C-alpha atoms as a PDB file:
ATOM      1  CA  MET A   1      90.946-189.461 -42.233  1.00  0.00           C
ATOM      2  CA  LYS A   2      93.882-191.659 -41.251  1.00  0.00           C
ATOM      3  CA  ILE A   3      92.933-195.279 -40.597  1.00  0.00           C
ATOM      4  CA  VAL A   4      94.842-198.282 -39.261  1.00  0.00           C
ATOM      5  CA  VAL A   5      93.825-201.755 -40.443  1.00  0.00           C
ATOM      6  CA  ALA A   6      94.787-204.545 -38.043  1.00  0.00           C
ATOM      7  CA  GLY A   7      94.745-207.989 -39.613  1.00  0.00           C
ATOM      8  CA  ALA A   8      96.246-208.712 -43.015  1.00  0.00           C
ATOM      9  CA  GLY A   9      94.245-211.865 -43.737  1.00  0.00           C
ATOM     10  CA  ALA A  10      91.152-212.449 -45.840  1.00  0.00           C
ATOM     11  CA  PHE A  11      88.954-209.838 -44.157  1.00  0.00           C
ATOM     12  CA  GLY A  12      91.699-207.276 -43.758  1.00  0.00           C
ATOM     13  CA  ILE A  13      92.088-207.396 -47.534  1.00  0.00           C
ATOM     14  CA  LYS A  14      88.319-206.989 -47.995  1.00  0.00           C
ATOM     15  CA  HIS A  15      88.469-203.789 -45.953  1.00  0.00           C
ATOM     16  CA  LEU A  16      91.529-202.519 -47.820  1.00  0.00           C
ATOM     17  CA  ASP A  17      89.628-203.016 -51.083  1.00  0.00           C
ATOM     18  CA  ALA A  18      86.590-201.228 -49.668  1.00  0.00           C
ATOM     19  CA  LEU A  19      88.469-198.263 -48.228  1.00  0.00           C
ATOM     20  CA  LYS A  20      90.019-197.517 -51.637  1.00  0.00           C
ATOM     21  CA  ASN A  21      86.546-196.436 -52.784  1.00  0.00           C
ATOM     22  CA  ILE A  22      85.922-193.936 -49.971  1.00  0.00           C
ATOM     23  CA  LYS A  23      87.092-190.370 -50.600  1.00  0.00           C
ATOM     24  CA  GLY A  24      89.228-188.632 -48.026  1.00  0.00           C
ATOM     25  CA  VAL A  25      90.395-191.858 -46.373  1.00  0.00           C
ATOM     26  CA  GLU A  26      94.005-192.981 -46.094  1.00  0.00           C
ATOM     27  CA  VAL A  27      95.148-196.316 -44.641  1.00  0.00           C
ATOM     28  CA  VAL A  28      98.363-195.298 -42.896  1.00  0.00           C
ATOM     29  CA  ALA A  29      99.311-198.619 -41.289  1.00  0.00           C
ATOM     30  CA  LEU A  30      98.685-202.332 -41.660  1.00  0.00           C
ATOM     31  CA  VAL A  31      99.200-204.630 -38.671  1.00  0.00           C
ATOM     32  CA  GLY A  32      99.802-208.354 -39.131  1.00  0.00           C
ATOM     33  CA  ARG A  33     101.056-211.357 -37.222  1.00  0.00           C
ATOM     34  CA  ARG A  34     104.018-211.894 -39.560  1.00  0.00           C
ATOM     35  CA  LEU A  35     105.925-208.868 -40.791  1.00  0.00           C
ATOM     36  CA  GLU A  36     107.038-210.022 -44.248  1.00  0.00           C
ATOM     37  CA  PRO A  37     103.659-211.060 -45.718  1.00  0.00           C
ATOM     38  CA  THR A  38     102.079-208.014 -44.032  1.00  0.00           C
ATOM     39  CA  ARG A  39     104.642-205.791 -45.738  1.00  0.00           C
ATOM     40  CA  GLU A  40     103.881-207.390 -49.105  1.00  0.00           C
ATOM     41  CA  THR A  41     100.171-206.659 -48.714  1.00  0.00           C
ATOM     42  CA  ALA A  42     100.894-203.113 -47.529  1.00  0.00           C
ATOM     43  CA  GLU A  43     103.034-202.434 -50.605  1.00  0.00           C
ATOM     44  CA  LYS A  44     100.277-203.733 -52.877  1.00  0.00           C
ATOM     45  CA  TYR A  45      97.785-201.260 -51.355  1.00  0.00           C
ATOM     46  CA  GLY A  46     100.184-198.351 -50.947  1.00  0.00           C
ATOM     47  CA  VAL A  47     100.186-198.462 -47.151  1.00  0.00           C
ATOM     48  CA  SER A  48     103.287-196.752 -45.790  1.00  0.00           C
ATOM     49  CA  HIS A  49     103.680-198.420 -42.369  1.00  0.00           C
ATOM     50  CA  THR A  50     103.596-202.070 -41.263  1.00  0.00           C
ATOM     51  CA  PHE A  51     103.695-203.415 -37.721  1.00  0.00           C
ATOM     52  CA  THR A  52     103.196-206.616 -35.796  1.00  0.00           C
ATOM     53  CA  GLU A  53     101.791-204.768 -32.752  1.00  0.00           C
ATOM     54  CA  LEU A  54      98.617-202.675 -32.780  1.00  0.00           C
ATOM     55  CA  SER A  55     100.034-200.330 -30.152  1.00  0.00           C
ATOM     56  CA  ASP A  56     102.802-199.255 -32.546  1.00  0.00           C
ATOM     57  CA  ALA A  57     100.263-198.345 -35.214  1.00  0.00           C
ATOM     58  CA  LEU A  58      98.080-196.426 -32.771  1.00  0.00           C
ATOM     59  CA  ALA A  59     101.139-194.421 -31.725  1.00  0.00           C
ATOM     60  CA  LEU A  60     101.516-192.938 -35.213  1.00  0.00           C
ATOM     61  CA  LYS A  61     100.797-189.219 -35.353  1.00  0.00           C
ATOM     62  CA  GLY A  62      97.290-188.267 -36.410  1.00  0.00           C
ATOM     63  CA  VAL A  63      95.620-191.670 -36.443  1.00  0.00           C
ATOM     64  CA  ASP A  64      91.852-191.158 -36.383  1.00  0.00           C
ATOM     65  CA  ALA A  65      90.420-194.663 -36.568  1.00  0.00           C
ATOM     66  CA  ALA A  66      91.184-198.366 -36.630  1.00  0.00           C
ATOM     67  CA  ILE A  67      89.481-201.375 -38.197  1.00  0.00           C
ATOM     68  CA  LEU A  68      90.145-204.665 -36.405  1.00  0.00           C
ATOM     69  CA  CYS A  69      90.190-207.827 -38.538  1.00  0.00           C
ATOM     70  CA  THR A  70      92.213-209.790 -36.024  1.00  0.00           C
ATOM     71  CA  PRO A  71      91.432-213.146 -34.344  1.00  0.00           C
ATOM     72  CA  THR A  72      88.170-213.171 -32.402  1.00  0.00           C
ATOM     73  CA  GLN A  73      89.942-213.694 -29.083  1.00  0.00           C
ATOM     74  CA  LEU A  74      91.679-210.304 -29.462  1.00  0.00           C
ATOM     75  CA  HIS A  75      88.684-208.201 -30.486  1.00  0.00           C
ATOM     76  CA  ALA A  76      87.447-206.917 -27.141  1.00  0.00           C
ATOM     77  CA  ALA A  77      90.872-206.088 -25.683  1.00  0.00           C
ATOM     78  CA  GLN A  78      92.024-204.392 -28.884  1.00  0.00           C
ATOM     79  CA  ALA A  79      88.806-202.378 -29.204  1.00  0.00           C
ATOM     80  CA  ILE A  80      89.290-201.130 -25.652  1.00  0.00           C
ATOM     81  CA  GLU A  81      92.944-200.324 -26.424  1.00  0.00           C
ATOM     82  CA  CYS A  82      91.869-198.206 -29.401  1.00  0.00           C
ATOM     83  CA  MET A  83      89.196-196.326 -27.502  1.00  0.00           C
ATOM     84  CA  LYS A  84      91.478-195.587 -24.557  1.00  0.00           C
ATOM     85  CA  ALA A  85      93.921-194.119 -27.095  1.00  0.00           C
ATOM     86  CA  GLY A  86      91.140-191.836 -28.350  1.00  0.00           C
ATOM     87  CA  VAL A  87      90.869-193.718 -31.654  1.00  0.00           C
ATOM     88  CA  HIS A  88      87.512-194.566 -33.240  1.00  0.00           C
ATOM     89  CA  VAL A  89      87.211-198.291 -33.861  1.00  0.00           C
ATOM     90  CA  GLN A  90      85.318-200.746 -36.013  1.00  0.00           C
ATOM     91  CA  VAL A  91      85.579-204.330 -34.795  1.00  0.00           C
ATOM     92  CA  GLU A  92      84.949-207.124 -37.260  1.00  0.00           C
ATOM     93  CA  ILE A  93      82.267-209.568 -36.177  1.00  0.00           C
ATOM     94  CA  PRO A  94      82.158-210.898 -33.514  1.00  0.00           C
ATOM     95  CA  LEU A  95      82.645-208.127 -30.972  1.00  0.00           C
ATOM     96  CA  ALA A  96      83.795-210.749 -28.448  1.00  0.00           C
ATOM     97  CA  ASP A  97      83.504-214.414 -27.593  1.00  0.00           C
ATOM     98  CA  SER A  98      81.874-213.776 -24.227  1.00  0.00           C
ATOM     99  CA  LEU A  99      79.127-211.492 -22.956  1.00  0.00           C
ATOM    100  CA  ALA A 100      81.392-210.134 -20.220  1.00  0.00           C
ATOM    101  CA  ASP A 101      83.932-208.916 -22.777  1.00  0.00           C
ATOM    102  CA  ALA A 102      81.212-207.442 -25.002  1.00  0.00           C
ATOM    103  CA  GLU A 103      79.795-205.510 -22.057  1.00  0.00           C
ATOM    104  CA  ALA A 104      83.274-204.279 -21.132  1.00  0.00           C
ATOM    105  CA  VAL A 105      83.671-202.799 -24.621  1.00  0.00           C
ATOM    106  CA  ASN A 106      80.289-201.093 -24.283  1.00  0.00           C
ATOM    107  CA  ARG A 107      81.260-199.556 -20.945  1.00  0.00           C
ATOM    108  CA  ILE A 108      84.486-198.105 -22.365  1.00  0.00           C
ATOM    109  CA  GLN A 109      82.624-196.706 -25.379  1.00  0.00           C
ATOM    110  CA  LYS A 110      80.218-194.873 -23.073  1.00  0.00           C
ATOM    111  CA  LYS A 111      83.121-193.569 -21.009  1.00  0.00           C
ATOM    112  CA  THR A 112      85.254-192.356 -23.938  1.00  0.00           C
ATOM    113  CA  GLY A 113      82.496-191.287 -26.324  1.00  0.00           C
ATOM    114  CA  VAL A 114      84.403-192.390 -29.419  1.00  0.00           C
ATOM    115  CA  VAL A 115      82.702-194.291 -32.248  1.00  0.00           C
ATOM    116  CA  CYS A 116      82.732-198.041 -31.689  1.00  0.00           C
ATOM    117  CA  MET A 117      81.050-200.014 -34.453  1.00  0.00           C
ATOM    118  CA  VAL A 118      80.837-203.778 -34.980  1.00  0.00           C
ATOM    119  CA  GLY A 119      81.074-205.424 -38.394  1.00  0.00           C
ATOM    120  CA  HIS A 120      77.562-206.868 -38.554  1.00  0.00           C
ATOM    121  CA  THR A 121      77.680-206.837 -42.342  1.00  0.00           C
ATOM    122  CA  ARG A 122      74.205-208.263 -42.912  1.00  0.00           C
ATOM    123  CA  ARG A 123      72.707-204.928 -41.840  1.00  0.00           C
ATOM    124  CA  PHE A 124      74.480-203.376 -44.837  1.00  0.00           C
ATOM    125  CA  ASN A 125      74.137-205.963 -47.626  1.00  0.00           C
ATOM    126  CA  PRO A 126      71.789-204.418 -50.251  1.00  0.00           C
ATOM    127  CA  SER A 127      69.551-207.505 -50.152  1.00  0.00           C
ATOM    128  CA  HIS A 128      68.847-207.103 -46.431  1.00  0.00           C
ATOM    129  CA  GLN A 129      68.754-203.295 -46.677  1.00  0.00           C
ATOM    130  CA  TYR A 130      66.044-203.574 -49.353  1.00  0.00           C
ATOM    131  CA  LEU A 131      63.857-205.626 -47.021  1.00  0.00           C
ATOM    132  CA  HIS A 132      64.657-203.494 -43.970  1.00  0.00           C
ATOM    133  CA  LYS A 133      63.450-200.345 -45.742  1.00  0.00           C
ATOM    134  CA  LYS A 134      60.171-202.059 -46.629  1.00  0.00           C
ATOM    135  CA  ILE A 135      59.782-203.270 -43.047  1.00  0.00           C
ATOM    136  CA  VAL A 136      60.377-199.775 -41.642  1.00  0.00           C
ATOM    137  CA  ALA A 137      57.895-198.358 -44.182  1.00  0.00           C
ATOM    138  CA  GLY A 138      55.263-200.822 -42.956  1.00  0.00           C
ATOM    139  CA  GLU A 139      55.097-202.728 -46.254  1.00  0.00           C
ATOM    140  CA  LEU A 140      56.409-205.996 -44.786  1.00  0.00           C
ATOM    141  CA  SER A 141      56.499-207.782 -41.458  1.00  0.00           C
ATOM    142  CA  VAL A 142      58.699-210.792 -40.808  1.00  0.00           C
ATOM    143  CA  GLN A 143      56.788-213.845 -39.626  1.00  0.00           C
ATOM    144  CA  GLN A 144      59.620-216.358 -39.839  1.00  0.00           C
ATOM    145  CA  MET A 145      63.240-216.480 -40.932  1.00  0.00           C
ATOM    146  CA  ASP A 146      64.851-219.734 -41.992  1.00  0.00           C
ATOM    147  CA  VAL A 147      68.624-219.452 -42.245  1.00  0.00           C
ATOM    148  CA  GLN A 148      71.370-221.863 -43.291  1.00  0.00           C
ATOM    149  CA  THR A 149      75.035-221.090 -42.599  1.00  0.00           C
ATOM    150  CA  TYR A 150      77.154-223.785 -44.195  1.00  0.00           C
ATOM    151  CA  PHE A 151      80.894-224.206 -44.674  1.00  0.00           C
ATOM    152  CA  PHE A 152      83.265-227.082 -45.285  1.00  0.00           C
ATOM    153  CA  ARG A 153      85.934-226.391 -42.693  1.00  0.00           C
ATOM    154  CA  ARG A 154      87.198-229.596 -41.118  1.00  0.00           C
ATOM    155  CA  SER A 155      90.679-228.142 -40.793  1.00  0.00           C
ATOM    156  CA  ASN A 156      91.687-224.741 -39.438  1.00  0.00           C
ATOM    157  CA  MET A 157      91.779-222.736 -42.685  1.00  0.00           C
ATOM    158  CA  ASN A 158      90.669-219.188 -43.468  1.00  0.00           C
ATOM    159  CA  ALA A 159      88.583-217.858 -46.371  1.00  0.00           C
ATOM    160  CA  LEU A 160      91.701-217.776 -48.572  1.00  0.00           C
ATOM    161  CA  GLY A 161      92.494-221.422 -47.886  1.00  0.00           C
ATOM    162  CA  GLN A 162      95.433-220.522 -45.629  1.00  0.00           C
ATOM    163  CA  PRO A 163      96.130-221.996 -42.160  1.00  0.00           C
ATOM    164  CA  ARG A 164      94.638-220.005 -39.292  1.00  0.00           C
ATOM    165  CA  SER A 165      96.490-219.114 -36.106  1.00  0.00           C
ATOM    166  CA  TRP A 166      93.174-219.236 -34.178  1.00  0.00           C
ATOM    167  CA  THR A 167      89.941-221.229 -34.143  1.00  0.00           C
ATOM    168  CA  ASP A 168      86.685-219.936 -35.628  1.00  0.00           C
ATOM    169  CA  HIS A 169      83.365-220.562 -33.846  1.00  0.00           C
ATOM    170  CA  LEU A 170      79.875-221.358 -35.143  1.00  0.00           C
ATOM    171  CA  LEU A 171      78.089-219.686 -32.222  1.00  0.00           C
ATOM    172  CA  TRP A 172      80.115-216.583 -31.367  1.00  0.00           C
ATOM    173  CA  HIS A 173      80.971-215.716 -34.974  1.00  0.00           C
ATOM    174  CA  HIS A 174      78.622-217.196 -37.539  1.00  0.00           C
ATOM    175  CA  ALA A 175      75.428-217.320 -35.463  1.00  0.00           C
ATOM    176  CA  ALA A 176      76.056-213.711 -34.419  1.00  0.00           C
ATOM    177  CA  HIS A 177      75.261-212.552 -37.970  1.00  0.00           C
ATOM    178  CA  THR A 178      71.803-214.111 -37.917  1.00  0.00           C
ATOM    179  CA  VAL A 179      70.906-213.446 -34.277  1.00  0.00           C
ATOM    180  CA  ASP A 180      71.577-209.748 -34.796  1.00  0.00           C
ATOM    181  CA  LEU A 181      69.873-209.597 -38.200  1.00  0.00           C
ATOM    182  CA  PHE A 182      66.762-211.375 -36.932  1.00  0.00           C
ATOM    183  CA  GLN A 183      66.272-208.862 -34.118  1.00  0.00           C
ATOM    184  CA  TYR A 184      67.106-205.969 -36.482  1.00  0.00           C
ATOM    185  CA  GLN A 185      64.576-207.060 -39.117  1.00  0.00           C
ATOM    186  CA  ALA A 186      61.915-208.176 -36.650  1.00  0.00           C
ATOM    187  CA  GLY A 187      62.191-204.906 -34.726  1.00  0.00           C
ATOM    188  CA  GLU A 188      61.900-206.920 -31.522  1.00  0.00           C
ATOM    189  CA  LYS A 189      64.269-208.574 -29.089  1.00  0.00           C
ATOM    190  CA  VAL A 190      64.551-212.341 -28.805  1.00  0.00           C
ATOM    191  CA  VAL A 191      62.898-213.636 -25.623  1.00  0.00           C
ATOM    192  CA  THR A 192      63.257-217.387 -26.239  1.00  0.00           C
ATOM    193  CA  ALA A 193      66.304-219.151 -27.662  1.00  0.00           C
ATOM    194  CA  ASN A 194      66.871-222.907 -27.767  1.00  0.00           C
ATOM    195  CA  ALA A 195      69.850-224.699 -29.245  1.00  0.00           C
ATOM    196  CA  VAL A 196      71.611-228.030 -29.641  1.00  0.00           C
ATOM    197  CA  GLN A 197      75.089-228.742 -30.939  1.00  0.00           C
ATOM    198  CA  GLY A 198      76.747-231.770 -32.455  1.00  0.00           C
ATOM    199  CA  PRO A 199      79.980-233.500 -31.403  1.00  0.00           C
ATOM    200  CA  LEU A 200      83.100-231.449 -30.768  1.00  0.00           C
ATOM    201  CA  HIS A 201      85.932-231.710 -33.277  1.00  0.00           C
ATOM    202  CA  PRO A 202      88.656-233.889 -31.674  1.00  0.00           C
ATOM    203  CA  GLU A 203      91.446-231.414 -32.523  1.00  0.00           C
ATOM    204  CA  LEU A 204      89.766-228.018 -32.843  1.00  0.00           C
ATOM    205  CA  GLY A 205      87.590-228.485 -29.762  1.00  0.00           C
ATOM    206  CA  ILE A 206      84.576-226.766 -31.321  1.00  0.00           C
ATOM    207  CA  ALA A 207      81.130-228.002 -32.375  1.00  0.00           C
ATOM    208  CA  MET A 208      80.973-228.619 -36.110  1.00  0.00           C
ATOM    209  CA  ASP A 209      77.160-228.578 -36.319  1.00  0.00           C
ATOM    210  CA  MET A 210      74.547-226.504 -34.512  1.00  0.00           C
ATOM    211  CA  SER A 211      70.801-225.802 -34.587  1.00  0.00           C
ATOM    212  CA  ILE A 212      69.213-222.704 -33.032  1.00  0.00           C
ATOM    213  CA  GLN A 213      65.575-221.661 -32.615  1.00  0.00           C
ATOM    214  CA  MET A 214      64.518-218.159 -31.565  1.00  0.00           C
ATOM    215  CA  LYS A 215      61.288-216.310 -30.836  1.00  0.00           C
ATOM    216  CA  THR A 216      60.688-212.595 -30.311  1.00  0.00           C
ATOM    217  CA  ARG A 217      58.332-210.965 -27.853  1.00  0.00           C
ATOM    218  CA  GLY A 218      55.757-210.533 -30.634  1.00  0.00           C
ATOM    219  CA  GLY A 219      55.910-214.176 -31.718  1.00  0.00           C
ATOM    220  CA  LYS A 220      58.200-213.931 -34.757  1.00  0.00           C
ATOM    221  CA  ILE A 221      60.431-216.994 -35.101  1.00  0.00           C
ATOM    222  CA  CYS A 222      63.781-217.911 -36.629  1.00  0.00           C
ATOM    223  CA  THR A 223      65.369-221.288 -37.313  1.00  0.00           C
ATOM    224  CA  LEU A 224      69.127-221.278 -37.869  1.00  0.00           C
ATOM    225  CA  SER A 225      71.182-224.279 -38.999  1.00  0.00           C
ATOM    226  CA  LEU A 226      74.979-224.048 -38.977  1.00  0.00           C
ATOM    227  CA  SER A 227      77.665-226.489 -40.085  1.00  0.00           C
ATOM    228  CA  PHE A 228      81.376-226.731 -40.736  1.00  0.00           C
ATOM    229  CA  ASN A 229      80.776-230.217 -42.189  1.00  0.00           C
ATOM    230  CA  ASN A 230      78.743-229.234 -45.253  1.00  0.00           C
ATOM    231  CA  ASP A 231      80.457-229.900 -48.588  1.00  0.00           C
ATOM    232  CA  GLY A 232      78.543-227.349 -50.669  1.00  0.00           C
ATOM    233  CA  PRO A 233      76.810-225.144 -51.475  1.00  0.00           C
ATOM    234  CA  LEU A 234      78.725-222.851 -49.139  1.00  0.00           C
ATOM    235  CA  GLY A 235      77.683-219.597 -47.511  1.00  0.00           C
ATOM    236  CA  THR A 236      74.641-218.238 -45.699  1.00  0.00           C
ATOM    237  CA  PHE A 237      71.163-218.265 -47.171  1.00  0.00           C
ATOM    238  CA  PHE A 238      68.257-216.364 -45.638  1.00  0.00           C
ATOM    239  CA  ARG A 239      64.596-217.139 -46.318  1.00  0.00           C
ATOM    240  CA  TYR A 240      62.262-214.382 -45.145  1.00  0.00           C
ATOM    241  CA  ILE A 241      58.657-215.519 -44.780  1.00  0.00           C
ATOM    242  CA  CYS A 242      56.672-212.306 -44.425  1.00  0.00           C
ATOM    243  CA  ASP A 243      53.051-211.264 -44.212  1.00  0.00           C
ATOM    244  CA  ASN A 244      53.389-209.838 -47.705  1.00  0.00           C
ATOM    245  CA  GLY A 245      55.730-212.073 -49.684  1.00  0.00           C
ATOM    246  CA  THR A 246      58.610-214.501 -49.341  1.00  0.00           C
ATOM    247  CA  PHE A 247      62.206-213.528 -50.116  1.00  0.00           C
ATOM    248  CA  ILE A 248      65.539-215.323 -50.287  1.00  0.00           C
ATOM    249  CA  ALA A 249      68.747-213.387 -49.687  1.00  0.00           C
ATOM    250  CA  ARG A 250      72.119-214.747 -50.729  1.00  0.00           C
ATOM    251  CA  TYR A 251      74.677-212.173 -49.612  1.00  0.00           C
ATOM    252  CA  ASP A 252      74.082-209.127 -51.847  1.00  0.00           C
ATOM    253  CA  ASP A 253      71.542-210.854 -54.128  1.00  0.00           C
ATOM    254  CA  LEU A 254      67.793-211.125 -53.521  1.00  0.00           C
ATOM    255  CA  VAL A 255      65.023-213.186 -55.141  1.00  0.00           C
ATOM    256  CA  ASP A 256      61.385-213.730 -54.293  1.00  0.00           C
ATOM    257  CA  GLY A 257      59.939-217.047 -53.154  1.00  0.00           C
ATOM    258  CA  ARG A 258      59.705-218.224 -56.751  1.00  0.00           C
ATOM    259  CA  GLU A 259      63.357-217.355 -57.472  1.00  0.00           C
ATOM    260  CA  LYS A 260      62.485-214.229 -59.475  1.00  0.00           C
ATOM    261  CA  PRO A 261      65.435-211.786 -59.149  1.00  0.00           C
ATOM    262  CA  ILE A 262      64.817-208.476 -57.390  1.00  0.00           C
ATOM    263  CA  ASP A 263      66.960-205.507 -58.436  1.00  0.00           C
ATOM    264  CA  VAL A 264      68.748-204.146 -55.374  1.00  0.00           C
ATOM    265  CA  SER A 265      71.415-202.241 -57.314  1.00  0.00           C
ATOM    266  CA  LYS A 266      69.860-198.855 -56.446  1.00  0.00           C
ATOM    267  CA  VAL A 267      69.469-199.527 -52.728  1.00  0.00           C
ATOM    268  CA  ASP A 268      72.816-197.924 -51.866  1.00  0.00           C
ATOM    269  CA  VAL A 269      75.941-196.505 -53.502  1.00  0.00           C
ATOM    270  CA  SER A 270      77.615-199.924 -53.747  1.00  0.00           C
ATOM    271  CA  MET A 271      76.697-203.582 -54.009  1.00  0.00           C
ATOM    272  CA  ASN A 272      79.527-204.492 -51.631  1.00  0.00           C
ATOM    273  CA  GLY A 273      78.356-204.981 -48.040  1.00  0.00           C
ATOM    274  CA  ILE A 274      81.832-204.479 -46.553  1.00  0.00           C
ATOM    275  CA  GLU A 275      82.248-201.200 -48.419  1.00  0.00           C
ATOM    276  CA  LEU A 276      78.848-199.984 -47.217  1.00  0.00           C
ATOM    277  CA  GLN A 277      79.782-200.984 -43.673  1.00  0.00           C
ATOM    278  CA  ASP A 278      83.029-198.990 -43.916  1.00  0.00           C
ATOM    279  CA  ARG A 279      81.211-196.015 -45.425  1.00  0.00           C
ATOM    280  CA  GLU A 280      78.876-195.979 -42.420  1.00  0.00           C
ATOM    281  CA  PHE A 281      81.849-196.093 -40.033  1.00  0.00           C
ATOM    282  CA  VAL A 282      83.582-193.169 -41.756  1.00  0.00           C
ATOM    283  CA  ALA A 283      80.340-191.156 -42.006  1.00  0.00           C
ATOM    284  CA  ALA A 284      79.553-191.651 -38.306  1.00  0.00           C
ATOM    285  CA  ILE A 285      82.993-190.320 -37.353  1.00  0.00           C
ATOM    286  CA  ARG A 286      82.685-187.325 -39.662  1.00  0.00           C
ATOM    287  CA  GLU A 287      79.121-186.550 -38.554  1.00  0.00           C
ATOM    288  CA  LYS A 288      79.869-187.214 -34.861  1.00  0.00           C
ATOM    289  CA  ARG A 289      76.941-189.607 -34.454  1.00  0.00           C
ATOM    290  CA  GLU A 290      76.192-193.174 -33.419  1.00  0.00           C
ATOM    291  CA  PRO A 291      76.690-195.595 -36.330  1.00  0.00           C
ATOM    292  CA  ASN A 292      74.336-198.334 -37.420  1.00  0.00           C
ATOM    293  CA  ALA A 293      75.665-201.500 -35.708  1.00  0.00           C
ATOM    294  CA  SER A 294      77.193-199.551 -32.831  1.00  0.00           C
ATOM    295  CA  VAL A 295      78.359-201.644 -29.901  1.00  0.00           C
ATOM    296  CA  ALA A 296      75.257-200.567 -27.945  1.00  0.00           C
ATOM    297  CA  GLN A 297      72.922-201.612 -30.776  1.00  0.00           C
ATOM    298  CA  VAL A 298      74.420-205.080 -31.236  1.00  0.00           C
ATOM    299  CA  LEU A 299      74.811-205.905 -27.543  1.00  0.00           C
ATOM    300  CA  PRO A 300      71.388-207.690 -27.440  1.00  0.00           C
ATOM    301  CA  CYS A 301      72.798-210.183 -29.952  1.00  0.00           C
ATOM    302  CA  TYR A 302      75.609-211.151 -27.582  1.00  0.00           C
ATOM    303  CA  ARG A 303      73.159-211.506 -24.703  1.00  0.00           C
ATOM    304  CA  VAL A 304      71.270-214.097 -26.766  1.00  0.00           C
ATOM    305  CA  LEU A 305      74.505-215.908 -27.657  1.00  0.00           C
ATOM    306  CA  ASP A 306      75.386-216.043 -23.967  1.00  0.00           C
ATOM    307  CA  LYS A 307      72.017-217.624 -23.140  1.00  0.00           C
ATOM    308  CA  ILE A 308      72.517-220.184 -25.888  1.00  0.00           C
ATOM    309  CA  GLU A 309      76.051-221.073 -24.806  1.00  0.00           C
ATOM    310  CA  LYS A 310      74.800-221.824 -21.291  1.00  0.00           C
ATOM    311  CA  GLN A 311      72.534-224.518 -22.744  1.00  0.00           C
ATOM    312  CA  PHE A 312      75.442-226.584 -24.097  1.00  0.00           C
END
């Protein structure tokens, strides 16, 4: 399977590392904003072609799929470009920064029939997978989720500490992880969502702090706190309060309510959520089926985000 990776930054590199572990996959092109650093990364990973335009990569003979790790503002248009070219596509989270764009991607997916998957990694982290399997088996039911998403990002830097060419967003990017995961784990759609945001950054023009409350049709609730002002600890921490136990998930690690570690190493073939996400994308293409985290499955998340944004 010949794959194009668009975006040579922090997450593009995470996908390049992940794809190395999947048999029968070849990354044939890397697309980046600046040619020279993109070429350096491509050489490191043995990628034969480098471009600054996605269209040039999609024009290569025999390209099967693309993974988009580009700025949020490009996601929807580039996903549509891939699908119209007959290329399966995985879009890093978020799918879009507006509901209208997200729905446009969904319409094109239905029209073309190609695989369109969104990088909602939390569905694939072994910690969350472990709990999801117990929920599906009827062993657990979520009563409440308490989630903290904290970064220290008062300047426009990426995960590698390098300047960004675009602005990240607490709602459309970081809240998307939790809004989708909450509905996925609860097994119910959110019917009530309330939110407040703090002052906008004078230069970046985005809210640096945000608080979101959600409730599902069956009465399950979630409280989400987000900040770009928090100086450690950094990351996202999920507390699951269930009818049969309390659990705390920190990326791929899981403990119970008393901080006793839970072994999730046998949940899947890897402990790397990005790799598991990419394995699902490749498997869905090969098996000609809808992937977990398809655009249709995650669209309810973006409908909630749209409702929240209208409150600000």
